[in-house]
Protein backbone atom coordinates (compact mmCIF):
# COMPACT_ATOMS: atom_id res chain seq x y z
CA MET A 1 -18.49 38.51 7.78
CA ALA A 2 -20.92 41.12 6.46
CA LEU A 3 -20.72 43.10 9.70
CA SER A 4 -16.93 43.17 9.83
CA LEU A 5 -16.67 44.07 6.16
CA LYS A 6 -19.27 46.77 6.60
CA ASN A 7 -17.22 48.29 9.40
CA LEU A 8 -13.98 48.00 7.46
CA PHE A 9 -15.12 49.34 4.08
CA SER A 10 -18.29 51.22 5.06
CA LYS A 11 -16.84 54.56 3.99
CA LYS A 12 -16.09 54.44 0.30
CA PRO A 13 -13.33 56.95 -0.51
CA ALA A 14 -13.86 59.77 -2.94
CA ALA A 15 -12.99 58.91 -6.52
CA ASN A 16 -10.18 61.46 -6.76
CA LEU A 17 -8.59 60.08 -3.58
CA ALA A 18 -8.88 56.49 -4.77
CA GLU A 19 -6.98 57.37 -7.94
CA GLN A 20 -4.06 58.98 -6.09
CA ASP A 21 -1.02 57.61 -4.29
CA SER A 22 -2.07 57.17 -0.67
CA MET A 23 1.57 57.05 0.52
CA PRO A 24 3.42 59.95 -1.16
CA ALA A 25 7.03 60.49 -0.13
CA THR A 26 8.03 63.79 1.42
CA VAL A 27 10.18 65.84 -0.94
CA THR A 28 10.28 69.50 -1.83
CA ALA A 29 9.59 70.84 -5.29
CA ALA A 30 13.35 71.16 -5.80
CA GLY A 31 13.83 67.49 -4.97
CA ALA A 32 15.32 67.98 -1.53
CA VAL A 33 14.56 65.20 0.93
CA ILE A 34 12.77 66.26 4.10
CA GLY A 35 10.67 64.65 6.78
CA ALA A 36 10.66 61.04 7.95
CA ARG A 37 9.40 59.38 4.77
CA PRO A 38 11.67 60.26 1.83
CA HIS A 39 12.09 58.21 -1.32
CA GLN A 40 15.48 56.88 -0.25
CA ASN A 41 16.34 55.61 3.17
CA PRO A 42 18.08 58.39 5.14
CA ALA A 43 19.75 55.78 7.36
CA TRP A 44 22.20 54.38 4.82
CA ALA A 45 25.25 53.21 6.76
CA HIS A 46 28.54 51.76 5.60
CA GLY A 47 31.16 49.50 7.11
CA TYR A 48 28.90 47.09 8.99
CA THR A 49 30.55 45.11 11.76
CA PRO A 50 29.08 42.43 14.04
CA GLU A 51 28.96 45.04 16.80
CA SER A 52 27.07 47.61 14.72
CA VAL A 53 24.63 44.97 13.43
CA ALA A 54 23.92 43.81 16.98
CA ARG A 55 23.23 47.41 18.01
CA ILE A 56 20.86 48.00 15.07
CA LEU A 57 18.87 44.82 15.71
CA GLU A 58 18.61 45.43 19.44
CA GLN A 59 17.35 49.00 19.05
CA ALA A 60 15.00 48.09 16.21
CA GLU A 61 13.50 45.34 18.35
CA ARG A 62 12.75 47.94 21.00
CA GLY A 63 10.76 49.99 18.47
CA ASP A 64 13.24 52.77 17.69
CA GLU A 65 12.14 54.11 14.29
CA HIS A 66 15.60 55.30 13.25
CA ALA A 67 17.10 51.91 14.14
CA LEU A 68 14.25 50.25 12.20
CA ALA A 69 15.17 52.35 9.16
CA GLU A 70 18.80 51.30 9.66
CA TYR A 71 17.73 47.66 9.77
CA PHE A 72 15.73 48.06 6.54
CA ALA A 73 18.82 49.64 4.93
CA LEU A 74 20.87 46.65 6.04
CA ALA A 75 18.20 44.29 4.68
CA ASP A 76 18.37 46.08 1.32
CA LYS A 77 22.11 45.46 1.17
CA VAL A 78 21.69 41.81 2.13
CA ILE A 79 19.40 41.20 -0.84
CA GLU A 80 21.12 43.48 -3.32
CA ARG A 81 24.79 42.68 -2.66
CA GLU A 82 25.02 39.13 -1.29
CA MET A 83 24.81 37.07 -4.46
CA HIS A 84 23.95 33.67 -2.98
CA THR A 85 21.19 35.20 -0.85
CA ALA A 86 19.83 37.04 -3.88
CA GLY A 87 19.80 33.82 -5.89
CA VAL A 88 17.90 31.64 -3.43
CA VAL A 89 15.47 34.40 -2.44
CA ASN A 90 14.71 35.23 -6.08
CA GLY A 91 14.04 31.55 -6.74
CA LEU A 92 11.53 31.43 -3.90
CA VAL A 93 9.87 34.72 -4.87
CA LEU A 94 9.45 33.88 -8.55
CA ALA A 95 8.10 30.42 -7.67
CA ILE A 96 5.34 32.03 -5.60
CA ALA A 97 4.59 34.93 -7.95
CA GLY A 98 4.28 32.56 -10.92
CA LEU A 99 1.63 30.35 -9.34
CA PRO A 100 -1.91 30.52 -10.81
CA HIS A 101 -4.18 32.98 -8.99
CA LYS A 102 -7.85 31.99 -8.87
CA ALA A 103 -11.08 33.46 -7.53
CA VAL A 104 -13.45 30.75 -6.30
CA PRO A 105 -17.12 31.78 -5.82
CA PRO A 106 -18.71 30.78 -2.51
CA LYS A 107 -20.86 27.67 -2.49
CA SER A 108 -24.34 28.92 -1.73
CA ALA A 109 -27.81 27.75 -2.65
CA GLY A 110 -28.91 31.03 -4.20
CA ALA A 111 -27.43 33.67 -6.48
CA ALA A 112 -24.96 31.25 -8.02
CA LYS A 113 -24.81 33.17 -11.30
CA ARG A 114 -24.11 36.45 -9.52
CA ALA A 115 -21.38 34.86 -7.40
CA GLN A 116 -19.75 33.38 -10.50
CA ARG A 117 -19.90 36.70 -12.34
CA ILE A 118 -18.18 38.52 -9.46
CA ALA A 119 -15.56 35.77 -9.23
CA ASP A 120 -14.88 36.10 -12.95
CA GLU A 121 -14.35 39.86 -12.55
CA VAL A 122 -11.87 39.32 -9.73
CA ALA A 123 -10.06 36.63 -11.69
CA GLU A 124 -9.76 39.04 -14.61
CA TRP A 125 -7.65 41.59 -12.71
CA MET A 126 -5.54 38.77 -11.27
CA GLN A 127 -4.37 37.68 -14.74
CA PRO A 128 -0.56 37.50 -15.29
CA SER A 129 -0.58 40.72 -17.33
CA GLY A 130 -2.51 42.72 -14.72
CA ALA A 131 -1.11 45.33 -12.34
CA LEU A 132 -1.37 43.00 -9.36
CA ARG A 133 0.67 40.18 -10.88
CA LEU A 134 3.25 42.61 -12.26
CA ALA A 135 3.79 44.06 -8.78
CA ALA A 136 3.71 40.65 -7.07
CA PRO A 137 7.44 39.76 -7.27
CA GLY A 138 8.56 42.99 -5.63
CA LEU A 139 5.92 42.86 -2.91
CA ILE A 140 6.53 39.19 -2.15
CA SER A 141 10.31 39.68 -2.08
CA GLN A 142 10.14 42.61 0.32
CA GLY A 143 7.60 40.85 2.50
CA ILE A 144 9.71 37.71 2.80
CA THR A 145 13.02 39.49 3.40
CA HIS A 146 12.03 42.67 5.27
CA GLY A 147 8.87 41.43 6.97
CA ILE A 148 6.60 43.83 5.08
CA GLY A 149 5.91 44.48 1.42
CA GLY A 150 3.71 47.55 1.10
CA ALA A 151 2.10 49.43 -1.77
CA ALA A 152 -0.38 52.19 -2.42
CA VAL A 153 -3.37 50.94 -4.43
CA LYS A 154 -4.67 53.16 -7.21
CA TRP A 155 -8.23 52.53 -8.42
CA GLN A 156 -9.78 53.17 -11.80
CA THR A 157 -13.03 54.97 -10.98
CA SER A 158 -14.20 56.22 -14.39
CA ALA A 159 -16.41 53.19 -15.07
CA THR A 160 -19.46 52.11 -13.10
CA ALA A 161 -17.45 49.45 -11.26
CA TRP A 162 -14.17 50.47 -9.66
CA THR A 163 -11.20 48.31 -10.64
CA ILE A 164 -7.60 48.22 -9.47
CA ALA A 165 -5.44 50.25 -11.84
CA ASP A 166 -1.96 50.15 -10.30
CA PHE A 167 0.18 49.20 -7.32
CA VAL A 168 2.83 51.72 -6.28
CA GLN A 169 5.31 49.74 -4.19
CA LYS A 170 6.89 51.57 -1.29
CA PRO A 171 10.28 50.99 0.33
CA ALA A 172 10.23 49.23 3.67
CA HIS A 173 11.43 52.32 5.58
CA HIS A 174 8.06 53.95 4.86
CA PHE A 175 6.57 51.59 7.43
CA THR A 176 6.84 50.76 11.07
CA PHE A 177 4.97 48.43 13.44
CA ASP A 178 2.57 49.04 16.28
CA ARG A 179 4.53 49.24 19.54
CA VAL A 180 1.80 47.48 21.51
CA ASP A 181 1.38 44.26 19.50
CA GLY A 182 4.57 44.53 17.46
CA CYS A 183 2.82 43.17 14.36
CA THR A 184 0.31 45.66 12.92
CA PRO A 185 1.95 47.58 10.05
CA LEU A 186 1.71 51.36 10.21
CA LEU A 187 2.69 54.17 7.85
CA ARG A 188 5.45 56.38 9.19
CA ASN A 189 4.38 60.00 9.44
CA GLU A 190 5.85 62.32 6.82
CA VAL A 191 6.65 64.72 9.61
CA ALA A 192 9.55 63.58 11.76
CA GLY A 193 8.64 62.86 15.36
CA GLN A 194 4.90 62.55 14.72
CA PRO A 195 3.04 59.28 15.46
CA ALA A 196 2.63 56.70 12.73
CA LYS A 197 -0.66 56.42 10.86
CA PRO A 198 -2.78 53.31 10.18
CA LEU A 199 -2.93 52.03 6.62
CA GLU A 200 -6.06 53.07 4.73
CA PRO A 201 -8.24 50.01 4.01
CA GLY A 202 -8.55 49.32 0.31
CA LEU A 203 -6.14 52.11 -0.62
CA SER A 204 -3.12 50.42 0.94
CA PHE A 205 -1.75 46.91 0.63
CA ALA A 206 0.60 45.11 3.00
CA PHE A 207 2.08 41.62 2.71
CA THR A 208 3.39 40.61 6.13
CA PRO A 209 4.21 36.87 6.09
CA ARG A 210 4.98 35.15 9.36
CA ARG A 211 7.41 32.34 10.18
CA ASN A 212 6.99 32.36 13.96
CA ALA A 213 5.07 34.04 16.76
CA ALA A 214 7.71 36.71 17.41
CA LEU A 215 7.59 40.39 16.51
CA GLN A 216 6.81 41.04 12.85
CA ILE A 217 10.22 42.59 12.28
CA LYS A 218 11.77 39.22 13.16
CA ASN A 219 9.69 37.38 10.56
CA GLY A 220 11.74 38.84 7.71
CA LEU A 221 14.54 36.55 6.57
CA ALA A 222 16.98 39.47 6.62
CA TRP A 223 16.85 39.38 10.43
CA ILE A 224 18.91 36.17 10.21
CA LEU A 225 20.65 36.59 6.86
CA CYS A 226 22.23 39.91 7.82
CA TRP A 227 24.72 38.00 9.97
CA ALA A 228 25.84 35.87 7.04
CA TYR A 229 26.18 39.03 4.93
CA VAL A 230 28.41 40.80 7.45
CA ILE A 231 30.59 37.78 8.26
CA LYS A 232 31.04 36.85 4.60
CA SER A 233 32.02 40.45 3.82
CA ILE A 234 34.77 40.26 6.45
CA ILE A 235 35.95 36.87 5.20
CA LEU A 236 36.05 38.02 1.57
CA ALA A 237 38.02 41.14 2.55
CA ASP A 238 40.58 38.96 4.36
CA GLU A 239 40.76 36.62 1.38
CA MET A 240 41.42 39.49 -1.01
CA LEU A 241 44.18 40.76 1.28
CA PHE A 242 45.68 37.27 1.40
CA VAL A 243 45.61 36.94 -2.38
CA GLN A 244 47.05 40.40 -2.79
CA THR A 245 49.87 39.64 -0.37
CA PHE A 246 50.80 36.10 -1.34
CA GLY A 247 49.17 35.57 -4.69
CA HIS A 248 51.49 37.85 -6.71
CA PRO A 249 55.20 37.33 -7.38
CA LEU A 250 57.70 39.59 -5.58
CA VAL A 251 59.85 41.57 -8.03
CA TYR A 252 63.09 42.87 -6.61
CA GLY A 253 66.28 44.45 -7.96
CA HIS A 254 69.90 44.64 -6.74
CA TYR A 255 72.12 47.70 -6.88
CA LYS A 256 75.80 47.89 -6.09
CA ARG A 257 77.21 49.28 -2.85
CA ASN A 258 78.64 52.35 -4.60
CA ALA A 259 75.54 53.11 -6.69
CA ASN A 260 74.47 56.74 -6.69
CA PRO A 261 70.91 57.92 -5.97
CA GLU A 262 70.23 58.38 -9.70
CA GLU A 263 71.06 54.73 -10.41
CA ILE A 264 68.96 53.55 -7.47
CA GLY A 265 66.03 55.64 -8.69
CA LEU A 266 66.36 54.18 -12.17
CA LEU A 267 66.25 50.66 -10.73
CA GLN A 268 63.17 51.50 -8.66
CA ARG A 269 61.32 52.81 -11.73
CA ALA A 270 62.26 49.72 -13.70
CA VAL A 271 60.98 47.39 -10.96
CA SER A 272 57.77 49.40 -10.64
CA ALA A 273 57.18 49.20 -14.38
CA ILE A 274 57.58 45.42 -14.36
CA SER A 275 55.54 44.60 -11.27
CA THR A 276 51.90 45.37 -10.52
CA GLY A 277 52.13 43.84 -7.04
CA PHE A 278 54.82 43.88 -4.39
CA ARG A 279 58.31 45.10 -5.39
CA ALA A 280 61.53 46.17 -3.71
CA VAL A 281 65.14 47.19 -4.44
CA PHE A 282 68.09 46.52 -2.16
CA ARG A 283 71.86 46.44 -2.23
CA GLU A 284 73.39 43.33 -3.73
CA ASP A 285 75.39 42.48 -0.62
CA LEU A 286 72.23 42.47 1.47
CA GLN A 287 70.38 39.18 1.90
CA VAL A 288 66.60 38.94 1.67
CA LYS A 289 65.15 35.58 2.68
CA PHE A 290 61.76 34.38 1.39
CA GLU A 291 59.90 31.70 3.35
CA GLU A 292 57.62 29.57 1.21
CA ILE A 293 54.06 29.46 2.48
CA SER A 294 52.26 26.13 2.47
CA HIS A 295 49.30 26.13 0.09
CA SER A 296 47.49 23.26 1.83
CA ASN A 297 45.13 25.58 3.74
CA THR A 298 44.84 28.51 1.39
CA ASP A 299 41.25 27.50 0.48
CA ILE A 300 40.04 28.00 4.05
CA TYR A 301 38.28 31.23 3.04
CA GLU A 302 36.39 29.48 0.25
CA LYS A 303 35.34 26.68 2.60
CA VAL A 304 34.01 29.16 5.16
CA CYS A 305 32.06 31.08 2.49
CA ARG A 306 30.63 27.83 1.13
CA TYR A 307 29.61 26.87 4.66
CA PHE A 308 27.72 30.15 5.05
CA ASP A 309 26.09 29.66 1.64
CA GLU A 310 24.73 26.33 2.87
CA LEU A 311 23.40 28.03 5.99
CA ILE A 312 21.70 30.69 3.83
CA SER A 313 20.02 27.96 1.77
CA LYS A 314 18.80 26.29 4.95
CA VAL A 315 17.32 29.55 6.22
CA VAL A 316 15.47 30.29 2.96
CA TRP A 317 14.49 26.78 1.86
CA ALA A 318 14.82 24.79 5.10
CA SER A 319 17.27 22.59 3.13
CA THR A 320 20.51 22.74 1.14
CA LEU A 321 20.31 20.15 -1.66
CA THR A 322 17.57 22.06 -3.44
CA THR A 323 20.07 24.80 -4.30
CA ASP A 324 23.55 23.42 -3.59
CA ALA A 325 24.96 20.22 -5.02
CA GLY A 326 27.01 19.51 -1.91
CA SER A 327 29.92 17.12 -1.72
CA ASN A 328 27.87 14.00 -0.94
CA GLY A 329 24.48 14.88 -2.40
CA THR A 330 22.33 12.06 -3.78
CA TYR A 331 19.14 11.92 -5.78
CA ALA A 332 17.21 10.42 -2.87
CA LEU A 333 18.24 13.16 -0.46
CA GLY A 334 17.61 15.81 -3.09
CA LYS A 335 14.09 14.48 -3.63
CA VAL A 336 13.34 14.59 0.10
CA HIS A 337 14.61 18.16 0.31
CA ALA A 338 12.57 19.12 -2.76
CA GLU A 339 9.45 18.05 -0.89
CA GLY A 340 10.44 20.50 1.86
CA LYS A 341 10.87 23.16 -0.81
CA TYR A 342 7.27 22.58 -1.86
CA ASP A 343 6.13 23.08 1.74
CA VAL A 344 7.93 26.45 1.94
CA ILE A 345 6.32 27.69 -1.29
CA ARG A 346 2.90 26.50 -0.17
CA SER A 347 3.13 28.25 3.20
CA TYR A 348 4.12 31.62 1.72
CA ALA A 349 1.58 31.25 -1.12
CA HIS A 350 -1.29 30.78 1.33
CA GLN A 351 -0.25 33.90 3.25
CA TRP A 352 0.02 35.85 0.00
CA ALA A 353 -3.52 34.76 -0.90
CA ALA A 354 -4.76 35.92 2.52
CA SER A 355 -3.28 39.39 1.89
CA LEU A 356 -4.94 39.58 -1.51
CA GLN A 357 -8.26 38.59 0.05
CA VAL A 358 -8.44 42.00 1.77
CA LEU A 359 -8.34 43.73 -1.61
CA VAL A 360 -10.99 41.40 -2.98
CA ASN A 361 -13.20 42.22 0.00
CA ALA A 362 -12.84 45.95 -0.74
CA TYR A 363 -13.58 45.42 -4.43
CA VAL A 364 -16.79 43.49 -3.79
CA VAL A 365 -18.10 45.67 -0.96
CA TRP A 366 -17.43 48.95 -2.78
CA ASN A 367 -18.98 47.73 -6.04
CA TYR A 368 -21.77 45.39 -4.90
CA GLY A 369 -22.36 46.06 -1.21
CA PRO A 370 -21.41 44.15 1.98
CA ASP A 371 -24.03 41.42 1.39
CA ALA A 372 -22.68 40.40 -2.03
CA PRO A 373 -21.02 36.98 -2.37
CA ILE A 374 -17.27 37.43 -1.98
CA PRO A 375 -15.06 34.98 -3.89
CA GLN A 376 -12.11 33.35 -2.16
CA VAL A 377 -8.60 33.99 -3.46
CA VAL A 378 -6.70 30.78 -4.10
CA VAL A 379 -3.04 30.73 -5.10
CA ASP A 380 -2.95 27.27 -6.60
CA VAL A 381 -0.01 25.22 -5.32
CA GLU A 382 0.06 21.70 -6.70
CA GLU A 383 2.85 19.37 -5.73
CA ALA A 384 4.70 18.13 -8.80
CA GLU A 385 3.75 14.57 -9.66
CA ASP A 386 6.09 11.94 -11.02
CA LEU A 387 4.25 11.35 -14.29
CA VAL A 388 6.62 8.59 -15.34
CA ALA A 389 5.86 6.59 -12.20
CA LYS A 390 2.16 7.35 -12.58
CA SER A 391 2.13 6.12 -16.18
CA GLN A 392 3.72 2.85 -15.04
CA VAL A 393 0.99 2.42 -12.43
CA VAL A 394 -1.68 2.97 -15.10
CA LYS A 395 -0.01 0.40 -17.36
CA ASN A 396 0.25 -2.19 -14.57
CA LEU A 397 -3.42 -1.77 -13.63
CA ALA A 398 -4.55 -2.01 -17.25
CA ASP A 399 -2.43 -5.14 -17.80
CA ALA A 400 -3.96 -6.69 -14.69
CA GLY A 401 -7.43 -6.18 -16.13
CA VAL A 402 -8.49 -3.32 -13.86
CA PRO A 403 -10.97 -1.12 -15.79
CA LEU A 404 -9.90 2.53 -15.93
CA VAL A 405 -11.74 5.62 -17.12
CA ALA A 406 -9.93 7.05 -20.14
CA SER A 407 -11.11 10.63 -19.48
CA GLU A 408 -9.61 10.58 -15.96
CA ILE A 409 -6.29 9.31 -17.30
CA ARG A 410 -6.21 12.08 -19.93
CA GLU A 411 -7.00 14.68 -17.28
CA ALA A 412 -4.24 13.40 -14.98
CA PHE A 413 -1.66 13.77 -17.75
CA GLY A 414 -3.05 16.99 -19.19
CA PHE A 415 -4.37 15.50 -22.44
CA ARG A 416 -7.71 16.48 -23.95
CA GLU A 417 -10.29 14.26 -25.58
CA PRO A 418 -9.49 13.74 -29.29
CA GLN A 419 -11.78 15.64 -31.61
CA GLU A 420 -12.85 14.81 -35.12
CA GLY A 421 -10.15 15.78 -37.58
CA ASP A 422 -7.30 15.62 -35.05
CA GLU A 423 -4.15 13.84 -36.15
CA LEU A 424 -3.78 10.95 -33.70
CA ILE A 425 -0.64 9.24 -32.48
CA GLY A 426 -0.92 5.87 -30.76
CA GLY A 427 -4.04 3.90 -29.89
CA ALA A 428 -5.29 0.77 -31.63
CA ALA A 429 -7.83 1.42 -34.35
CA ALA A 430 -10.43 -1.29 -34.90
CA ALA A 431 -9.41 -3.22 -38.04
CA PRO A 432 -12.28 -4.38 -40.29
CA GLU A 433 -12.87 -8.14 -40.28
CA ALA A 434 -11.89 -10.01 -43.42
CA ALA A 435 -14.85 -11.42 -45.32
CA PRO A 436 -15.12 -15.22 -44.98
CA ALA A 437 -14.41 -17.41 -47.99
CA ALA A 438 -17.27 -18.94 -49.92
CA GLY A 439 -18.89 -21.74 -47.99
CA GLN A 440 -16.88 -20.98 -44.83
CA ALA A 441 -18.51 -19.94 -41.59
CA PRO A 442 -17.39 -16.59 -40.19
CA PRO A 443 -14.73 -16.81 -37.44
CA GLY A 444 -16.35 -17.37 -34.06
CA ALA A 445 -19.74 -18.15 -35.57
CA ALA A 446 -19.97 -21.40 -33.64
CA GLN A 447 -19.45 -19.91 -30.19
CA ASN A 448 -21.57 -16.89 -31.05
CA ALA A 449 -24.44 -19.21 -31.88
CA ARG A 450 -24.10 -20.75 -28.46
CA GLN A 451 -23.22 -17.65 -26.47
CA GLY A 452 -26.19 -18.21 -24.19
CA VAL A 453 -24.64 -21.44 -22.83
CA GLY A 454 -21.02 -21.10 -23.95
CA CYS A 455 -17.86 -19.90 -22.18
CA PRO A 456 -18.08 -16.18 -21.27
CA VAL A 457 -14.52 -15.69 -22.50
CA HIS A 458 -15.68 -16.43 -26.04
CA SER A 459 -19.06 -14.75 -25.84
CA ALA A 460 -19.99 -11.88 -28.09
CA ASN A 461 -19.64 -9.43 -25.18
CA ALA A 462 -16.01 -10.30 -24.43
CA VAL A 463 -13.58 -7.49 -25.22
CA THR A 464 -10.32 -9.43 -25.01
CA ALA A 465 -7.70 -9.76 -27.73
CA ARG A 466 -7.68 -13.06 -29.66
CA ASP A 467 -4.78 -15.48 -29.31
CA ALA A 468 -3.86 -19.09 -30.18
CA ILE A 469 -6.22 -20.49 -27.51
CA ASP A 470 -9.13 -18.64 -29.12
CA ASP A 471 -8.28 -20.21 -32.49
CA LEU A 472 -8.15 -23.70 -30.92
CA ALA A 473 -11.54 -23.14 -29.26
CA ASP A 474 -13.03 -22.16 -32.63
CA GLN A 475 -11.69 -25.35 -34.24
CA MET A 476 -13.03 -27.56 -31.45
CA LEU A 477 -16.47 -25.96 -31.64
CA ALA A 478 -16.54 -26.43 -35.40
CA ASP A 479 -15.70 -30.17 -35.00
CA TRP A 480 -18.30 -30.43 -32.23
CA GLU A 481 -21.00 -29.34 -34.67
CA VAL A 482 -20.32 -32.52 -36.71
CA VAL A 483 -20.17 -34.77 -33.63
CA SER A 484 -23.33 -33.31 -32.13
CA ALA A 485 -25.44 -33.62 -35.28
CA ASP A 486 -26.57 -37.22 -34.38
CA ILE A 487 -27.25 -36.19 -30.79
CA ASP A 488 -29.37 -33.26 -31.91
CA ALA A 489 -31.39 -35.51 -34.26
CA GLN A 490 -32.15 -38.09 -31.55
CA LEU A 491 -33.16 -35.44 -29.00
CA ALA A 492 -35.43 -33.80 -31.58
CA ALA A 493 -37.18 -37.15 -32.26
CA VAL A 494 -37.69 -37.74 -28.51
CA ALA A 495 -39.15 -34.27 -28.05
CA ALA A 496 -41.56 -34.81 -30.96
CA ASN A 497 -42.94 -38.13 -29.60
CA THR A 498 -43.31 -37.13 -25.91
CA SER A 499 -46.08 -34.97 -24.46
CA ASP A 500 -45.33 -34.82 -20.71
CA VAL A 501 -42.28 -33.79 -18.68
CA GLU A 502 -41.69 -37.16 -16.98
CA GLY A 503 -41.89 -39.00 -20.25
CA MET A 504 -39.48 -36.48 -21.77
CA ARG A 505 -36.98 -37.09 -18.94
CA GLN A 506 -37.11 -40.89 -19.33
CA ALA A 507 -36.78 -40.67 -23.11
CA VAL A 508 -33.73 -38.35 -22.88
CA VAL A 509 -31.99 -40.72 -20.41
CA ALA A 510 -32.64 -43.70 -22.70
CA ALA A 511 -31.37 -41.77 -25.74
CA VAL A 512 -28.14 -40.68 -23.99
CA GLU A 513 -27.41 -44.28 -22.89
CA GLN A 514 -27.62 -45.41 -26.53
CA LEU A 515 -25.36 -42.63 -27.93
CA ASP A 516 -22.06 -43.44 -29.67
CA VAL A 517 -19.45 -41.59 -27.62
CA GLU A 518 -16.52 -42.75 -29.72
CA ALA A 519 -16.65 -39.68 -31.98
CA LEU A 520 -16.61 -37.37 -28.92
CA ALA A 521 -13.61 -39.25 -27.47
CA VAL A 522 -11.75 -38.87 -30.75
CA LEU A 523 -12.47 -35.12 -30.77
CA LEU A 524 -11.13 -34.64 -27.25
CA ALA A 525 -8.04 -36.78 -27.93
CA ARG A 526 -7.23 -34.88 -31.11
CA SER A 527 -7.57 -31.51 -29.36
CA ARG A 528 -5.41 -32.63 -26.45
CA THR A 529 -2.69 -33.86 -28.81
CA LYS A 530 -2.66 -30.58 -30.76
CA THR A 531 -2.35 -28.44 -27.66
CA ARG A 532 0.42 -30.60 -26.15
CA LEU A 533 2.44 -30.56 -29.37
CA ALA A 534 2.01 -26.81 -29.71
CA GLY A 535 3.13 -26.29 -26.11
CA ASN A 536 6.23 -28.45 -26.50
CA THR A 537 7.35 -27.21 -29.92
CA GLY A 538 6.06 -23.63 -29.95
CA ALA A 539 4.11 -24.27 -33.13
CA ASN A 540 0.81 -22.60 -33.90
CA VAL A 541 -2.27 -24.56 -32.89
C-alpha cells in the first residue's frame, strides 16, 4: 500500500492551491456563461417524450458529452419534480448520511498509540457537524441518482497539519467518464471541445456507486427512473385534460329564434360569468344532447400512476412494502422487505466508505508520510434488532437457570452500569434478615451447620429464592436434631472406648442395631402427612 499511496500522493500541492476550488465554473466577470463547464447545465430541454429520452440515453451511452449533459439535466428533473421518486430517494440518502462514521486504526504490533492518535484526528473531521458530513447528503444523492457525486476539496493549511475545511459540490454536468473503460470519472474541460481532465487526487472527491458491471452512467438510478418520470408526466397531462373536460358542469343558455345580436351577446356574457369551465349558448329550438359518461373507469389514470410508483419503489429499495402500504400488505411481508431495505443501505454505505478512504489516505500521507498507519473508514451499519423478542429470550434463559452476564445484557440493550448515587428503577435489593427471637435458632441454622454433608440446594452457597419446601426442610432438620441426640451420644461413647479402626467399625454396627428407630419413623410420617395435606388443600406447610 505504501508504494501505491506514494505514487498517488507523492506530490503535495502548494498550500494556496489546496485552499482553492479545484473545479471552478467558467463564467465571465459580468456573469455570462461560456465554455463547457458553466454553473448551470446548458442542455436544459423541455417537453420530454419517450422518443427524445431514448435518443438522449443512446447518445450518452456512446460517450457524446452534449448528450451526457442532456441526460444529467433529465436526471435533475427526475429527482426535483417527480415527488414519489424524490421521497424514496431522500429516504435512502438520509439513511446512509446519518449512519455513524468511524476511523478504525490498523491492528499492528508497534506504534499503536500513534495509529490511535491519527485515527482520532480522522474521526474528528468526520463528526456530524463537520464539512464532510454536512456535504454528505448532496454527494450521496447525486452519486446514487446520477452515477457521480463530485466535489472540490478545500484544505485548511494554516496549521502544522492540513485538515479538510470544505467540500464544494459540483453539478453532475461538470463531469464525464473515460471513453475507454466507461467508468473513470473525469472533469470536463472548461474550454469547449478540449479533452477532459483527470481529477486531482486529494483536491477532488468523487462518489461513484455501482449496481452492476455496466458503464458508470448506467449505475445511476435516473437511468431507469427517467422512464417513469416521462410516462407519468404524459399520464398526468391526460388526466388533467380528462378532468377539465368531464369534471366540470356544462353551462348553457337558450335564446329565441328572433333574438338580435345584442341579446345573444348579453346571454354569452352571462353564461361566461357563471361558468369557469365549458359553456355554450344556442337557440331554444335547437336540441343539444348530452351523453352521460360512465364513471366506473375514471380512476384508470390514478391506478397507472400508482403502478409506476410501486415500480419506482422497487428500483430504489428492491421492494415496495417498505414505502407503499399496498392493497394486500401484511406485517410479515413488510418485515421481509425491510430486511432487503437494510441490504440496500449497507451496500451503498460500504461504497461511500470506500470513497472516503481516498481522502483519509491523502490526509495521512500528506501530514505523516506514506509509511504512517492509515485508519480504515467504517460507516457503521447495524441491522435493527427486535429488542422485545431479545428481552423475552433473556427472560426465558434466566427462568431456566442459565447463568447470564449482566454487563453483556446491559450492553445489548444500551444500558450502562449503575453508579453510586443513581436513582434505580427495578431490581431486587437484598432485604436484611430479621433478628431471631430469644432462644430461637436463626433460620437455616440447622442445614448450615451440616452444609458439608447436607443437600446442596440448602447449602450456604445456594443462591435460590426460598419457598414453602425450604421452610419444610428447615422444620424437618430442626426435629432431626432432637431425634439424633441419642444417636450422637451412643456414637460418641463408642468412639471414646475404641482405639483401632476394626474395633470402631464393629462397635458402630452393634450400636446402630440397638438404636430405637421409632422416633425417626414418627418424624418421617409427620413430615409426609404435612406435605400431602399442604398439596391437597393449598395450605402453607
